[in-house]
Amino acid sequence: MKIDLQLDAKGLSCPMPIVRTKKAMDQLESGQVLEVTVTDKGALADIPAWANASGNKIVEQQENGDEYVFILQKA
């Protein structure tokens, strides 16, 4: 899958990962893909909830040690 934009939100606490994710998604066109890497465990609930509420799709979610990676596709 082609990643159109990568966002490094490691080290940020709630609500900043969501704020930065929304700003990054605003830069994309419909169908483009954003990769977000976070370390805040709260994002495990927050990012899926935000994606659902905003109509965007989580294509993939991974856990790599203390890092969590979300692949999101813009609606």
Protein backbone atom coordinates (compact mmCIF):
# COMPACT_ATOMS: atom_id res chain seq x y z
CA MET A 1 0.00 0.00 0.00
CA LYS A 2 1.30 3.43 -0.92
CA ILE A 3 1.66 5.78 2.06
CA ASP A 4 0.97 9.36 0.95
CA LEU A 5 1.92 11.06 4.22
CA GLN A 6 3.65 9.97 7.44
CA LEU A 7 2.99 11.54 10.83
CA ASP A 8 5.35 11.04 13.76
CA ALA A 9 3.31 11.71 16.91
CA LYS A 10 5.63 9.80 19.24
CA GLY A 11 6.06 11.35 22.66
CA LEU A 12 2.84 13.36 22.42
CA SER A 13 0.05 12.97 24.97
CA CYS A 14 -3.68 13.16 24.47
CA PRO A 15 -5.17 15.09 22.73
CA MET A 16 -2.19 16.02 20.53
CA PRO A 17 -1.98 12.76 18.51
CA ILE A 18 -5.60 13.28 17.41
CA VAL A 19 -5.10 17.00 16.74
CA ARG A 20 -2.05 16.27 14.57
CA THR A 21 -3.80 13.36 12.84
CA LYS A 22 -6.73 15.58 11.90
CA LYS A 23 -4.42 18.30 10.55
CA ALA A 24 -2.50 15.72 8.50
CA MET A 25 -5.71 14.20 7.10
CA ASP A 26 -6.88 17.68 6.09
CA GLN A 27 -3.86 17.84 3.73
CA LEU A 28 -4.86 14.65 1.91
CA GLU A 29 -7.28 14.02 -0.93
CA SER A 30 -10.02 11.41 -0.69
CA GLY A 31 -8.56 7.90 -0.95
CA GLN A 32 -5.04 8.91 0.08
CA VAL A 33 -3.31 7.14 2.97
CA LEU A 34 -1.79 8.47 6.20
CA GLU A 35 0.57 6.52 8.46
CA VAL A 36 0.52 7.70 12.09
CA THR A 37 3.05 6.50 14.69
CA VAL A 38 2.23 7.19 18.34
CA THR A 39 3.48 6.15 21.78
CA ASP A 40 0.43 7.31 23.79
CA LYS A 41 -1.66 4.24 24.74
CA GLY A 42 -4.74 6.47 24.82
CA ALA A 43 -4.49 6.69 21.05
CA LEU A 44 -5.45 3.00 20.84
CA ALA A 45 -9.00 4.08 21.67
CA ASP A 46 -8.90 7.68 20.47
CA ILE A 47 -7.72 7.21 16.88
CA PRO A 48 -10.26 4.47 16.00
CA ALA A 49 -13.05 6.53 17.63
CA TRP A 50 -11.99 9.64 15.71
CA ALA A 51 -11.72 7.70 12.43
CA ASN A 52 -15.20 6.26 12.91
CA ALA A 53 -16.70 9.65 13.79
CA SER A 54 -14.99 11.41 10.87
CA GLY A 55 -15.82 8.71 8.31
CA ASN A 56 -12.18 7.82 7.65
CA LYS A 57 -11.05 4.20 7.56
CA ILE A 58 -8.37 2.41 9.56
CA VAL A 59 -6.76 0.10 7.02
CA GLU A 60 -4.23 -1.39 9.43
CA GLN A 61 -3.15 -1.11 13.05
CA GLN A 62 0.15 -2.46 14.42
CA GLU A 63 1.92 -2.58 17.75
CA ASN A 64 5.72 -2.42 17.63
CA GLY A 65 6.93 -2.50 21.24
CA ASP A 66 6.06 0.89 22.73
CA GLU A 67 4.97 2.30 19.36
CA TYR A 68 1.56 2.01 17.74
CA VAL A 69 1.15 2.49 14.00
CA PHE A 70 -2.16 3.32 12.33
CA ILE A 71 -2.68 3.31 8.57
CA LEU A 72 -5.68 5.50 7.76
CA GLN A 73 -7.41 6.11 4.46
CA LYS A 74 -9.18 9.42 3.93
CA ALA A 75 -12.88 9.17 3.14
